[in-house]
PDB file of N, CA and C in Angstrom:
ATOM      1  N   UNK A   1       0.967  -1.362   0.053  1.00  0.00           N
ATOM      2  CA  UNK A   1       0.040   0.141  -0.222  1.00  0.00           C
ATOM      3  C   UNK A   1       0.547   1.277  -0.069  1.00  0.00           C
ATOM      4  N   UNK A   2       0.536   2.424  -0.899  1.00  0.00           N
ATOM      5  CA  UNK A   2       1.330   3.351  -1.127  1.00  0.00           C
ATOM      6  C   UNK A   2       0.737   4.636   0.542  1.00  0.00           C
ATOM      7  N   UNK A   3       1.424   4.894   1.095  1.00  0.00           N
ATOM      8  CA  UNK A   3       1.446   5.463   2.158  1.00  0.00           C
ATOM      9  C   UNK A   3       1.533   7.002   1.547  1.00  0.00           C
ATOM     10  N   UNK A   4       0.569   8.173   1.452  1.00  0.00           N
ATOM     11  CA  UNK A   4       0.831   9.112   1.232  1.00  0.00           C
ATOM     12  C   UNK A   4       0.739  10.508   2.880  1.00  0.00           C
ATOM     13  N   UNK A   5       1.948  11.436   2.587  1.00  0.00           N
ATOM     14  CA  UNK A   5       1.341  11.888   3.538  1.00  0.00           C
ATOM     15  C   UNK A   5       1.029  13.760   3.384  1.00  0.00           C
ATOM     16  N   UNK A   6       0.347  14.452   3.853  1.00  0.00           N
ATOM     17  CA  UNK A   6       0.164  16.202   4.173  1.00  0.00           C
ATOM     18  C   UNK A   6       1.938  16.609   3.544  1.00  0.00           C
ATOM     19  N   UNK A   7       1.968  17.393   2.412  1.00  0.00           N
ATOM     20  CA  UNK A   7       3.150  17.811   2.082  1.00  0.00           C
ATOM     21  C   UNK A   7       4.455  16.972   0.961  1.00  0.00           C
ATOM     22  N   UNK A   8       3.759  15.746   1.024  1.00  0.00           N
ATOM     23  CA  UNK A   8       3.851  15.250  -0.736  1.00  0.00           C
ATOM     24  C   UNK A   8       4.324  15.640  -1.578  1.00  0.00           C
ATOM     25  N   UNK A   9       5.174  15.664  -2.725  1.00  0.00           N
ATOM     26  CA  UNK A   9       5.350  16.077  -4.174  1.00  0.00           C
ATOM     27  C   UNK A   9       4.346  14.596  -4.732  1.00  0.00           C
ATOM     28  N   UNK A  10       3.591  14.918  -5.280  1.00  0.00           N
ATOM     29  CA  UNK A  10       2.816  13.834  -5.821  1.00  0.00           C
ATOM     30  C   UNK A  10       2.357  14.012  -7.382  1.00  0.00           C
ATOM     31  N   UNK A  11       2.167  12.476  -8.254  1.00  0.00           N
ATOM     32  CA  UNK A  11       1.670  13.333  -9.578  1.00  0.00           C
ATOM     33  C   UNK A  11       1.051  11.856 -10.394  1.00  0.00           C
ATOM     34  N   UNK A  12       0.063  12.160 -11.388  1.00  0.00           N
ATOM     35  CA  UNK A  12      -0.448  10.565 -11.255  1.00  0.00           C
ATOM     36  C   UNK A  12       0.500   9.773 -12.371  1.00  0.00           C
ATOM     37  N   UNK A  13      -0.372   8.797 -12.335  1.00  0.00           N
ATOM     38  CA  UNK A  13       0.818   7.686 -13.002  1.00  0.00           C
ATOM     39  C   UNK A  13      -0.032   7.832 -14.323  1.00  0.00           C
ATOM     40  N   UNK A  14      -0.634   7.792 -14.879  1.00  0.00           N
ATOM     41  CA  UNK A  14      -1.022   7.797 -16.356  1.00  0.00           C
ATOM     42  C   UNK A  14      -0.894   9.529 -16.866  1.00  0.00           C
ATOM     43  N   UNK A  15      -0.623  10.447 -16.372  1.00  0.00           N
ATOM     44  CA  UNK A  15      -0.250  12.184 -16.629  1.00  0.00           C
ATOM     45  C   UNK A  15       0.754  12.395 -15.188  1.00  0.00           C
ATOM     46  N   UNK A  16       2.039  12.242 -15.613  1.00  0.00           N
ATOM     47  CA  UNK A  16       3.127  12.526 -14.741  1.00  0.00           C
ATOM     48  C   UNK A  16       4.035  14.047 -15.095  1.00  0.00           C
ATOM     49  N   UNK A  17       3.798  14.442 -15.787  1.00  0.00           N
ATOM     50  CA  UNK A  17       3.587  15.629 -16.276  1.00  0.00           C
ATOM     51  C   UNK A  17       2.414  16.530 -15.210  1.00  0.00           C
ATOM     52  N   UNK A  18       1.700  16.172 -14.375  1.00  0.00           N
ATOM     53  CA  UNK A  18       0.632  16.945 -13.612  1.00  0.00           C
ATOM     54  C   UNK A  18       1.326  16.637 -12.271  1.00  0.00           C
ATOM     55  N   UNK A  19       1.875  17.430 -11.701  1.00  0.00           N
ATOM     56  CA  UNK A  19       2.703  17.181 -10.450  1.00  0.00           C
ATOM     57  C   UNK A  19       1.831  18.086  -9.530  1.00  0.00           C
ATOM     58  N   UNK A  20       1.468  17.540  -8.102  1.00  0.00           N
ATOM     59  CA  UNK A  20       1.423  18.675  -7.355  1.00  0.00           C
ATOM     60  C   UNK A  20       1.966  18.091  -5.708  1.00  0.00           C
ATOM     61  N   UNK A  21       1.458  19.350  -4.315  1.00  0.00           N
ATOM     62  CA  UNK A  21       1.556  18.546  -2.930  1.00  0.00           C
ATOM     63  C   UNK A  21       0.378  17.715  -2.673  1.00  0.00           C
ATOM     64  N   UNK A  22       0.423  17.122  -1.348  1.00  0.00           N
ATOM     65  CA  UNK A  22      -0.708  16.789  -0.871  1.00  0.00           C
ATOM     66  C   UNK A  22      -1.479  17.668  -0.630  1.00  0.00           C
ATOM     67  N   UNK A  23      -2.253  17.816  -0.444  1.00  0.00           N
ATOM     68  CA  UNK A  23      -2.819  18.913   1.046  1.00  0.00           C
ATOM     69  C   UNK A  23      -4.513  17.752   1.657  1.00  0.00           C
ATOM     70  N   UNK A  24      -4.494  16.858   1.808  1.00  0.00           N
ATOM     71  CA  UNK A  24      -5.381  15.959   2.273  1.00  0.00           C
ATOM     72  C   UNK A  24      -5.115  14.614   1.868  1.00  0.00           C
ATOM     73  N   UNK A  25      -5.638  13.783   2.621  1.00  0.00           N
ATOM     74  CA  UNK A  25      -5.791  11.919   2.545  1.00  0.00           C
ATOM     75  C   UNK A  25      -7.028  11.714   3.413  1.00  0.00           C
ATOM     76  N   UNK A  26      -7.837  11.024   2.667  1.00  0.00           N
ATOM     77  CA  UNK A  26      -8.747  10.524   3.490  1.00  0.00           C
ATOM     78  C   UNK A  26      -9.317   8.978   3.092  1.00  0.00           C
ATOM     79  N   UNK A  27      -9.777   8.306   4.375  1.00  0.00           N
ATOM     80  CA  UNK A  27     -10.317   7.120   3.830  1.00  0.00           C
ATOM     81  C   UNK A  27     -11.915   7.051   3.699  1.00  0.00           C
ATOM     82  N   UNK A  28     -12.297   6.690   2.471  1.00  0.00           N
ATOM     83  CA  UNK A  28     -14.103   6.364   2.107  1.00  0.00           C
ATOM     84  C   UNK A  28     -13.975   4.886   2.218  1.00  0.00           C
ATOM     85  N   UNK A  29     -14.945   4.558   2.677  1.00  0.00           N
ATOM     86  CA  UNK A  29     -15.570   3.687   2.697  1.00  0.00           C
ATOM     87  C   UNK A  29     -16.343   2.481   1.255  1.00  0.00           C
ATOM     88  N   UNK A  30     -15.857   1.456   1.087  1.00  0.00           N
ATOM     89  CA  UNK A  30     -16.240   1.271  -0.412  1.00  0.00           C
ATOM     90  C   UNK A  30     -17.599   0.129   0.029  1.00  0.00           C
ATOM     91  N   UNK A  31     -18.453   0.968  -1.019  1.00  0.00           N
ATOM     92  CA  UNK A  31     -19.693   0.353  -1.017  1.00  0.00           C
ATOM     93  C   UNK A  31     -20.448  -1.309  -1.787  1.00  0.00           C
ATOM     94  N   UNK A  32     -18.770  -1.341  -2.958  1.00  0.00           N
ATOM     95  CA  UNK A  32     -19.775  -2.243  -4.024  1.00  0.00           C
ATOM     96  C   UNK A  32     -18.298  -3.409  -3.696  1.00  0.00           C
ATOM     97  N   UNK A  33     -18.579  -4.547  -4.199  1.00  0.00           N
ATOM     98  CA  UNK A  33     -17.378  -5.856  -4.013  1.00  0.00           C
ATOM     99  C   UNK A  33     -17.645  -6.680  -4.844  1.00  0.00           C
ATOM    100  N   UNK A  34     -16.804  -7.532  -5.751  1.00  0.00           N
ATOM    101  CA  UNK A  34     -17.104  -8.447  -6.686  1.00  0.00           C
ATOM    102  C   UNK A  34     -16.728 -10.157  -6.290  1.00  0.00           C
ATOM    103  N   UNK A  35     -15.954 -10.053  -5.031  1.00  0.00           N
ATOM    104  CA  UNK A  35     -15.579 -10.863  -4.333  1.00  0.00           C
ATOM    105  C   UNK A  35     -15.758 -10.861  -2.910  1.00  0.00           C
ATOM    106  N   UNK A  36     -15.453 -12.299  -2.486  1.00  0.00           N
ATOM    107  CA  UNK A  36     -15.825 -12.476  -0.574  1.00  0.00           C
ATOM    108  C   UNK A  36     -15.151 -11.494   0.408  1.00  0.00           C
ATOM    109  N   UNK A  37     -15.166 -11.732   1.371  1.00  0.00           N
ATOM    110  CA  UNK A  37     -14.050 -11.079   2.201  1.00  0.00           C
ATOM    111  C   UNK A  37     -14.611  -9.398   2.764  1.00  0.00           C
ATOM    112  N   UNK A  38     -14.281  -9.250   4.019  1.00  0.00           N
ATOM    113  CA  UNK A  38     -14.768  -7.969   4.526  1.00  0.00           C
ATOM    114  C   UNK A  38     -14.243  -7.035   3.425  1.00  0.00           C
ATOM    115  N   UNK A  39     -14.542  -5.753   3.499  1.00  0.00           N
ATOM    116  CA  UNK A  39     -14.613  -4.363   3.230  1.00  0.00           C
ATOM    117  C   UNK A  39     -14.021  -3.611   3.974  1.00  0.00           C
ATOM    118  N   UNK A  40     -12.380  -3.095   3.346  1.00  0.00           N
ATOM    119  CA  UNK A  40     -11.302  -2.115   3.746  1.00  0.00           C
ATOM    120  C   UNK A  40     -11.662  -0.522   3.191  1.00  0.00           C
ATOM    121  N   UNK A  41     -11.327  -0.026   3.589  1.00  0.00           N
ATOM    122  CA  UNK A  41     -11.442   1.704   3.248  1.00  0.00           C
ATOM    123  C   UNK A  41     -10.753   1.805   2.446  1.00  0.00           C
ATOM    124  N   UNK A  42     -11.079   2.704   1.243  1.00  0.00           N
ATOM    125  CA  UNK A  42     -10.097   3.320   0.110  1.00  0.00           C
ATOM    126  C   UNK A  42      -9.746   4.648   0.401  1.00  0.00           C
ATOM    127  N   UNK A  43      -8.078   4.628  -0.097  1.00  0.00           N
ATOM    128  CA  UNK A  43      -7.742   5.790   0.285  1.00  0.00           C
ATOM    129  C   UNK A  43      -7.989   7.031  -0.409  1.00  0.00           C
ATOM    130  N   UNK A  44      -8.116   8.045  -0.608  1.00  0.00           N
ATOM    131  CA  UNK A  44      -8.060   9.197  -1.447  1.00  0.00           C
ATOM    132  C   UNK A  44      -7.219  10.340  -1.105  1.00  0.00           C
ATOM    133  N   UNK A  45      -7.180  10.810  -2.126  1.00  0.00           N
ATOM    134  CA  UNK A  45      -5.594  11.847  -1.703  1.00  0.00           C
ATOM    135  C   UNK A  45      -6.418  13.363  -2.293  1.00  0.00           C
ATOM    136  N   UNK A  46      -6.392  14.570  -2.402  1.00  0.00           N
ATOM    137  CA  UNK A  46      -6.250  15.662  -2.436  1.00  0.00           C
ATOM    138  C   UNK A  46      -5.356  16.082  -2.875  1.00  0.00           C
ATOM    139  N   UNK A  47      -4.442  16.944  -3.924  1.00  0.00           N
ATOM    140  CA  UNK A  47      -3.315  17.228  -3.916  1.00  0.00           C
ATOM    141  C   UNK A  47      -3.515  18.937  -5.212  1.00  0.00           C
ATOM    142  N   UNK A  48      -2.655  19.434  -4.774  1.00  0.00           N
ATOM    143  CA  UNK A  48      -2.833  20.801  -5.667  1.00  0.00           C
ATOM    144  C   UNK A  48      -1.820  20.840  -6.689  1.00  0.00           C
ATOM    145  N   UNK A  49      -2.036  21.030  -8.142  1.00  0.00           N
ATOM    146  CA  UNK A  49      -1.449  20.585  -9.283  1.00  0.00           C
ATOM    147  C   UNK A  49      -0.711  22.258  -9.586  1.00  0.00           C
ATOM    148  N   UNK A  50       0.472  21.960  -9.938  1.00  0.00           N
ATOM    149  CA  UNK A  50       1.773  22.943  -9.871  1.00  0.00           C
ATOM    150  C   UNK A  50       1.311  23.269 -11.477  1.00  0.00           C
ATOM    151  N   UNK A  51       0.559  22.355 -12.145  1.00  0.00           N
ATOM    152  CA  UNK A  51       0.715  22.510 -13.934  1.00  0.00           C
ATOM    153  C   UNK A  51      -0.553  23.552 -14.106  1.00  0.00           C
ATOM    154  N   UNK A  52      -1.117  23.873 -13.473  1.00  0.00           N
ATOM    155  CA  UNK A  52      -2.483  24.040 -13.738  1.00  0.00           C
ATOM    156  C   UNK A  52      -3.061  24.948 -12.710  1.00  0.00           C
ATOM    157  N   UNK A  53      -2.653  24.755 -11.317  1.00  0.00           N
ATOM    158  CA  UNK A  53      -2.937  25.152 -10.004  1.00  0.00           C
ATOM    159  C   UNK A  53      -4.385  24.441  -9.182  1.00  0.00           C
ATOM    160  N   UNK A  54      -5.124  23.594  -9.887  1.00  0.00           N
ATOM    161  CA  UNK A  54      -6.137  23.020  -9.935  1.00  0.00           C
ATOM    162  C   UNK A  54      -6.299  22.157  -8.751  1.00  0.00           C
ATOM    163  N   UNK A  55      -7.162  22.202  -7.807  1.00  0.00           N
ATOM    164  CA  UNK A  55      -7.005  20.833  -6.492  1.00  0.00           C
ATOM    165  C   UNK A  55      -7.577  19.535  -6.997  1.00  0.00           C
ATOM    166  N   UNK A  56      -6.696  18.503  -7.532  1.00  0.00           N
ATOM    167  CA  UNK A  56      -7.142  17.095  -7.520  1.00  0.00           C
ATOM    168  C   UNK A  56      -7.844  16.216  -7.043  1.00  0.00           C
ATOM    169  N   UNK A  57      -8.930  15.211  -6.971  1.00  0.00           N
ATOM    170  CA  UNK A  57      -8.653  14.259  -5.531  1.00  0.00           C
ATOM    171  C   UNK A  57      -8.826  13.064  -6.673  1.00  0.00           C
ATOM    172  N   UNK A  58      -7.736  12.177  -6.413  1.00  0.00           N
ATOM    173  CA  UNK A  58      -7.569  11.106  -6.703  1.00  0.00           C
ATOM    174  C   UNK A  58      -7.376   9.775  -5.786  1.00  0.00           C
ATOM    175  N   UNK A  59      -7.588   8.637  -6.490  1.00  0.00           N
ATOM    176  CA  UNK A  59      -7.087   7.314  -5.854  1.00  0.00           C
ATOM    177  C   UNK A  59      -5.823   7.275  -4.990  1.00  0.00           C
ATOM    178  N   UNK A  60      -5.534   6.337  -4.120  1.00  0.00           N
ATOM    179  CA  UNK A  60      -4.165   6.349  -4.139  1.00  0.00           C
ATOM    180  C   UNK A  60      -3.089   5.569  -4.993  1.00  0.00           C
ATOM    181  N   UNK A  61      -4.037   4.538  -5.466  1.00  0.00           N
ATOM    182  CA  UNK A  61      -3.551   3.715  -6.777  1.00  0.00           C
ATOM    183  C   UNK A  61      -3.003   4.121  -7.892  1.00  0.00           C
ATOM    184  N   UNK A  62      -3.923   5.396  -8.315  1.00  0.00           N
ATOM    185  CA  UNK A  62      -3.377   6.295  -9.626  1.00  0.00           C
ATOM    186  C   UNK A  62      -2.225   7.398  -9.492  1.00  0.00           C
ATOM    187  N   UNK A  63      -2.048   7.281  -7.879  1.00  0.00           N
ATOM    188  CA  UNK A  63      -0.604   8.261  -7.970  1.00  0.00           C
ATOM    189  C   UNK A  63       0.660   7.913  -7.645  1.00  0.00           C
ATOM    190  N   UNK A  64       1.677   8.127  -7.530  1.00  0.00           N
ATOM    191  CA  UNK A  64       3.097   7.714  -7.646  1.00  0.00           C
ATOM    192  C   UNK A  64       4.069   9.224  -6.949  1.00  0.00           C
ATOM    193  N   UNK A  65       4.679   8.708  -5.932  1.00  0.00           N
ATOM    194  CA  UNK A  65       5.609   9.961  -5.691  1.00  0.00           C
ATOM    195  C   UNK A  65       6.179  10.342  -6.653  1.00  0.00           C
ATOM    196  N   UNK A  66       6.766  11.708  -6.462  1.00  0.00           N
ATOM    197  CA  UNK A  66       7.319  12.433  -7.864  1.00  0.00           C
ATOM    198  C   UNK A  66       8.613  13.082  -6.954  1.00  0.00           C
ATOM    199  N   UNK A  67       9.061  12.216  -6.564  1.00  0.00           N
ATOM    200  CA  UNK A  67      10.508  12.387  -6.022  1.00  0.00           C
ATOM    201  C   UNK A  67      11.433  12.785  -6.856  1.00  0.00           C
TER     202      UNK A  67
END
């Protein structure tokens, strides 16, 4: 699991030029699943882009560290 903290530099895996700084990390409950077992919460990251100044909300699995 990727652990992001407020202040980390991140970028989208599919759009690596869109880098930004993490502003908030939150865990939201999962409401649907296609296998058996207990649900785990999904990590969502809010980050401010250096490319266009917008704030993006993305799943942690779609981001990587921009070190």
